[in-house]
Amino acid sequence: MVAINILLASLLITLTSAVPTRLNLNRRAGGPAAVPIPANCTVKNPLPTSTSPSTVAYAPAPSTTSAYVYSAYYYPFSTNQTALFTQCLEQCYGYGNKGECVAAYLASNVPAPPLFGSPGGQLETACLMYNRTLTPADFVVASPGTYTDARCGNIVC
C-alpha cells in the first residue's frame, strides 16, 4: 500500500510540474501585489483636460495596447472609485521589477475583452496598467455610457 501511495504521489508531482511546460503557461498566482507608492514618487494625471461638459469620458486609444502590461477587472459592486484607483496604482507600482509598470488607468463601464471562453462586452470596472507613461494623446473620447469615472496616473519616481 505504501508503494502505491509513493507511486501515485510521484506521478502527481510529475504531471503537475509538466503541465505548464507542455501547455506553455506562465506560472503566477493572482495579480501583482499592491505596494504603497513611496513619498519620493509623484502621480501625475495624463488625462486630457476638457472644456466640454463634464460628461465627456476618455478611453485609452488603440495605440496604448502596444504599451499594455497587465489588466485586472473588478466586479461592479464597489462604488468607492478612490479606493479602487489607489489599489490600481499600488498594484502597478508592485508589478514586476520596480519601474516596469509606470501608468495605471481605472474606469467604470469598460467593455471587457473576450477571455476564458467569455464573449466579452459586459461592462465592468477595469484597472489597466502600462509599461510606459501616458500622455493626453493616448486617449480618445469614449462612446457615451462607457469608460465613466476615469482616473489615470503616471507614477514618477
C-alpha atoms as a PDB file:
ATOM      1  CA  MET A   1       0.000   0.000   0.000  1.00  0.00           C
ATOM      2  CA  VAL A   2       2.844   2.386   0.854  1.00  0.00           C
ATOM      3  CA  ALA A   3       4.469   1.669  -2.505  1.00  0.00           C
ATOM      4  CA  ILE A   4       1.246   2.551  -4.330  1.00  0.00           C
ATOM      5  CA  ASN A   5       0.933   5.836  -2.412  1.00  0.00           C
ATOM      6  CA  ILE A   6       4.531   6.749  -3.222  1.00  0.00           C
ATOM      7  CA  LEU A   7       3.984   5.882  -6.883  1.00  0.00           C
ATOM      8  CA  LEU A   8       0.791   7.947  -7.058  1.00  0.00           C
ATOM      9  CA  ALA A   9       2.438  10.910  -5.293  1.00  0.00           C
ATOM     10  CA  SER A  10       5.434  10.894  -7.634  1.00  0.00           C
ATOM     11  CA  LEU A  11       3.127  10.595 -10.666  1.00  0.00           C
ATOM     12  CA  LEU A  12       1.041  13.523  -9.431  1.00  0.00           C
ATOM     13  CA  ILE A  13       4.153  15.669  -8.905  1.00  0.00           C
ATOM     14  CA  THR A  14       5.452  14.779 -12.364  1.00  0.00           C
ATOM     15  CA  LEU A  15       2.158  15.561 -14.067  1.00  0.00           C
ATOM     16  CA  THR A  16       1.525  18.866 -12.281  1.00  0.00           C
ATOM     17  CA  SER A  17       5.050  20.142 -12.892  1.00  0.00           C
ATOM     18  CA  ALA A  18       4.900  19.150 -16.565  1.00  0.00           C
ATOM     19  CA  VAL A  19       1.604  20.871 -17.369  1.00  0.00           C
ATOM     20  CA  PRO A  20       2.936  24.467 -17.511  1.00  0.00           C
ATOM     21  CA  THR A  21       5.759  23.385 -19.830  1.00  0.00           C
ATOM     22  CA  ARG A  22       3.570  21.344 -22.157  1.00  0.00           C
ATOM     23  CA  LEU A  23       0.854  23.978 -22.395  1.00  0.00           C
ATOM     24  CA  ASN A  24       3.300  26.896 -22.458  1.00  0.00           C
ATOM     25  CA  LEU A  25       1.595  28.568 -19.485  1.00  0.00           C
ATOM     26  CA  ASN A  26       3.311  31.101 -17.251  1.00  0.00           C
ATOM     27  CA  ARG A  27       3.288  30.376 -13.534  1.00  0.00           C
ATOM     28  CA  ARG A  28       1.594  33.092 -11.492  1.00  0.00           C
ATOM     29  CA  ALA A  29      -0.737  33.435  -8.593  1.00  0.00           C
ATOM     30  CA  GLY A  30      -3.223  36.279  -8.749  1.00  0.00           C
ATOM     31  CA  GLY A  31      -2.458  39.848  -9.652  1.00  0.00           C
ATOM     32  CA  PRO A  32       0.508  41.985  -8.689  1.00  0.00           C
ATOM     33  CA  ALA A  33       0.965  42.821  -5.040  1.00  0.00           C
ATOM     34  CA  ALA A  34      -0.246  46.268  -4.008  1.00  0.00           C
ATOM     35  CA  VAL A  35       2.877  48.127  -2.880  1.00  0.00           C
ATOM     36  CA  PRO A  36       2.445  51.619  -1.395  1.00  0.00           C
ATOM     37  CA  ILE A  37       3.942  54.329  -3.577  1.00  0.00           C
ATOM     38  CA  PRO A  38       6.850  55.991  -1.714  1.00  0.00           C
ATOM     39  CA  ALA A  39       6.749  59.657  -0.743  1.00  0.00           C
ATOM     40  CA  ASN A  40       9.585  60.464  -3.184  1.00  0.00           C
ATOM     41  CA  CYS A  41       7.303  59.469  -6.096  1.00  0.00           C
ATOM     42  CA  THR A  42       4.514  61.548  -7.580  1.00  0.00           C
ATOM     43  CA  VAL A  43       1.417  60.561  -9.518  1.00  0.00           C
ATOM     44  CA  LYS A  44       0.652  62.812 -12.486  1.00  0.00           C
ATOM     45  CA  ASN A  45      -2.670  62.741 -14.320  1.00  0.00           C
ATOM     46  CA  PRO A  46      -2.210  62.459 -18.113  1.00  0.00           C
ATOM     47  CA  LEU A  47      -5.932  62.534 -18.996  1.00  0.00           C
ATOM     48  CA  PRO A  48      -6.882  65.323 -21.401  1.00  0.00           C
ATOM     49  CA  THR A  49      -8.448  68.369 -19.835  1.00  0.00           C
ATOM     50  CA  SER A  50     -11.772  69.041 -21.432  1.00  0.00           C
ATOM     51  CA  THR A  51     -13.568  72.308 -21.928  1.00  0.00           C
ATOM     52  CA  SER A  52     -16.626  70.266 -22.911  1.00  0.00           C
ATOM     53  CA  PRO A  53     -19.298  69.229 -20.426  1.00  0.00           C
ATOM     54  CA  SER A  54     -18.078  67.003 -17.617  1.00  0.00           C
ATOM     55  CA  THR A  55     -19.905  64.078 -19.220  1.00  0.00           C
ATOM     56  CA  VAL A  56     -17.041  63.587 -21.698  1.00  0.00           C
ATOM     57  CA  ALA A  57     -15.235  60.354 -20.881  1.00  0.00           C
ATOM     58  CA  TYR A  58     -11.825  59.325 -22.178  1.00  0.00           C
ATOM     59  CA  ALA A  59     -10.765  55.808 -23.108  1.00  0.00           C
ATOM     60  CA  PRO A  60      -7.242  54.599 -23.860  1.00  0.00           C
ATOM     61  CA  ALA A  61      -6.568  54.936 -27.587  1.00  0.00           C
ATOM     62  CA  PRO A  62      -5.863  51.789 -29.604  1.00  0.00           C
ATOM     63  CA  SER A  63      -2.188  52.820 -29.733  1.00  0.00           C
ATOM     64  CA  THR A  64      -1.830  52.110 -25.995  1.00  0.00           C
ATOM     65  CA  THR A  65      -2.255  48.361 -26.487  1.00  0.00           C
ATOM     66  CA  SER A  66       1.399  48.132 -27.530  1.00  0.00           C
ATOM     67  CA  ALA A  67       2.374  49.516 -24.108  1.00  0.00           C
ATOM     68  CA  TYR A  68      -0.029  47.353 -22.141  1.00  0.00           C
ATOM     69  CA  VAL A  69       1.414  45.424 -19.214  1.00  0.00           C
ATOM     70  CA  TYR A  70      -1.440  43.988 -17.191  1.00  0.00           C
ATOM     71  CA  SER A  71      -5.138  44.485 -16.643  1.00  0.00           C
ATOM     72  CA  ALA A  72      -7.475  43.459 -13.872  1.00  0.00           C
ATOM     73  CA  TYR A  73     -11.248  43.599 -13.947  1.00  0.00           C
ATOM     74  CA  TYR A  74     -13.229  44.124 -10.786  1.00  0.00           C
ATOM     75  CA  TYR A  75     -16.834  43.223 -10.152  1.00  0.00           C
ATOM     76  CA  PRO A  76     -19.117  46.268 -10.304  1.00  0.00           C
ATOM     77  CA  PHE A  77     -20.207  46.017  -6.646  1.00  0.00           C
ATOM     78  CA  SER A  78     -17.769  48.675  -5.378  1.00  0.00           C
ATOM     79  CA  THR A  79     -18.748  52.310  -5.522  1.00  0.00           C
ATOM     80  CA  ASN A  80     -15.514  53.539  -3.911  1.00  0.00           C
ATOM     81  CA  GLN A  81     -13.571  54.613  -7.002  1.00  0.00           C
ATOM     82  CA  THR A  82     -10.938  56.352  -4.863  1.00  0.00           C
ATOM     83  CA  ALA A  83     -10.032  53.123  -3.064  1.00  0.00           C
ATOM     84  CA  LEU A  84     -10.030  51.144  -6.325  1.00  0.00           C
ATOM     85  CA  PHE A  85      -7.801  53.725  -8.026  1.00  0.00           C
ATOM     86  CA  THR A  86      -5.353  53.659  -5.103  1.00  0.00           C
ATOM     87  CA  GLN A  87      -5.272  49.850  -5.336  1.00  0.00           C
ATOM     88  CA  CYS A  88      -4.792  50.039  -9.118  1.00  0.00           C
ATOM     89  CA  LEU A  89      -1.857  52.456  -8.751  1.00  0.00           C
ATOM     90  CA  GLU A  90      -0.261  50.408  -5.974  1.00  0.00           C
ATOM     91  CA  GLN A  91      -0.630  47.177  -7.952  1.00  0.00           C
ATOM     92  CA  CYS A  92       1.019  48.891 -10.913  1.00  0.00           C
ATOM     93  CA  TYR A  93       3.874  50.038  -8.687  1.00  0.00           C
ATOM     94  CA  GLY A  94       4.207  46.495  -7.297  1.00  0.00           C
ATOM     95  CA  TYR A  95       4.155  44.826 -10.724  1.00  0.00           C
ATOM     96  CA  GLY A  96       7.359  43.010 -11.712  1.00  0.00           C
ATOM     97  CA  ASN A  97      10.619  44.880 -11.219  1.00  0.00           C
ATOM     98  CA  LYS A  98      10.411  48.455  -9.961  1.00  0.00           C
ATOM     99  CA  GLY A  99       9.721  50.770 -12.873  1.00  0.00           C
ATOM    100  CA  GLU A 100       8.271  48.038 -15.088  1.00  0.00           C
ATOM    101  CA  CYS A 101       4.723  49.404 -14.697  1.00  0.00           C
ATOM    102  CA  VAL A 102       4.563  53.191 -14.658  1.00  0.00           C
ATOM    103  CA  ALA A 103       0.975  54.151 -15.535  1.00  0.00           C
ATOM    104  CA  ALA A 104      -2.432  52.980 -14.317  1.00  0.00           C
ATOM    105  CA  TYR A 105      -5.912  53.748 -15.634  1.00  0.00           C
ATOM    106  CA  LEU A 106      -9.172  52.952 -13.852  1.00  0.00           C
ATOM    107  CA  ALA A 107     -12.695  53.438 -15.213  1.00  0.00           C
ATOM    108  CA  SER A 108     -16.188  52.029 -14.805  1.00  0.00           C
ATOM    109  CA  ASN A 109     -18.327  50.650 -17.626  1.00  0.00           C
ATOM    110  CA  VAL A 110     -15.362  49.336 -19.597  1.00  0.00           C
ATOM    111  CA  PRO A 111     -16.289  46.653 -22.156  1.00  0.00           C
ATOM    112  CA  ALA A 112     -14.468  43.520 -21.018  1.00  0.00           C
ATOM    113  CA  PRO A 113     -12.360  41.697 -23.604  1.00  0.00           C
ATOM    114  CA  PRO A 114     -13.209  38.115 -24.543  1.00  0.00           C
ATOM    115  CA  LEU A 115     -11.391  35.906 -22.022  1.00  0.00           C
ATOM    116  CA  PHE A 116     -11.564  32.283 -20.915  1.00  0.00           C
ATOM    117  CA  GLY A 117     -14.422  31.434 -23.275  1.00  0.00           C
ATOM    118  CA  SER A 118     -16.479  34.504 -22.363  1.00  0.00           C
ATOM    119  CA  PRO A 119     -17.553  36.536 -25.402  1.00  0.00           C
ATOM    120  CA  GLY A 120     -16.663  39.758 -23.596  1.00  0.00           C
ATOM    121  CA  GLY A 121     -18.517  43.019 -23.979  1.00  0.00           C
ATOM    122  CA  GLN A 122     -20.012  43.113 -20.479  1.00  0.00           C
ATOM    123  CA  LEU A 123     -19.362  46.420 -18.730  1.00  0.00           C
ATOM    124  CA  GLU A 124     -17.056  46.210 -15.723  1.00  0.00           C
ATOM    125  CA  THR A 125     -14.722  48.354 -13.675  1.00  0.00           C
ATOM    126  CA  ALA A 126     -11.256  47.937 -15.139  1.00  0.00           C
ATOM    127  CA  CYS A 127      -7.753  48.687 -13.951  1.00  0.00           C
ATOM    128  CA  LEU A 128      -5.362  48.854 -16.905  1.00  0.00           C
ATOM    129  CA  MET A 129      -1.626  49.088 -16.304  1.00  0.00           C
ATOM    130  CA  TYR A 130       1.065  50.226 -18.725  1.00  0.00           C
ATOM    131  CA  ASN A 131       4.827  49.931 -19.078  1.00  0.00           C
ATOM    132  CA  ARG A 132       5.256  53.497 -20.310  1.00  0.00           C
ATOM    133  CA  THR A 133       3.971  56.877 -19.227  1.00  0.00           C
ATOM    134  CA  LEU A 134       0.822  58.046 -20.936  1.00  0.00           C
ATOM    135  CA  THR A 135       0.122  61.443 -22.475  1.00  0.00           C
ATOM    136  CA  PRO A 136      -3.150  63.189 -23.391  1.00  0.00           C
ATOM    137  CA  ALA A 137      -2.582  61.942 -26.966  1.00  0.00           C
ATOM    138  CA  ASP A 138      -3.011  58.356 -25.687  1.00  0.00           C
ATOM    139  CA  PHE A 139      -6.741  58.901 -25.080  1.00  0.00           C
ATOM    140  CA  VAL A 140      -9.828  59.195 -27.247  1.00  0.00           C
ATOM    141  CA  VAL A 141     -13.359  60.297 -26.436  1.00  0.00           C
ATOM    142  CA  ALA A 142     -15.286  57.222 -25.305  1.00  0.00           C
ATOM    143  CA  SER A 143     -18.683  56.130 -26.536  1.00  0.00           C
ATOM    144  CA  PRO A 144     -21.494  57.517 -24.358  1.00  0.00           C
ATOM    145  CA  GLY A 145     -22.021  55.458 -21.204  1.00  0.00           C
ATOM    146  CA  THR A 146     -18.611  53.762 -21.342  1.00  0.00           C
ATOM    147  CA  TYR A 147     -15.303  54.488 -19.570  1.00  0.00           C
ATOM    148  CA  THR A 148     -17.063  56.558 -16.926  1.00  0.00           C
ATOM    149  CA  ASP A 149     -15.378  57.951 -13.794  1.00  0.00           C
ATOM    150  CA  ALA A 150     -11.970  57.537 -15.444  1.00  0.00           C
ATOM    151  CA  ARG A 151      -8.823  58.185 -13.441  1.00  0.00           C
ATOM    152  CA  CYS A 152      -5.272  57.832 -14.640  1.00  0.00           C
ATOM    153  CA  GLY A 153      -1.862  58.340 -13.153  1.00  0.00           C
ATOM    154  CA  ASN A 154       1.742  58.186 -14.281  1.00  0.00           C
ATOM    155  CA  ILE A 155       3.973  57.085 -11.413  1.00  0.00           C
ATOM    156  CA  VAL A 156       7.118  59.209 -11.483  1.00  0.00           C
ATOM    157  CA  CYS A 157       9.930  58.293  -9.073  1.00  0.00           C
END
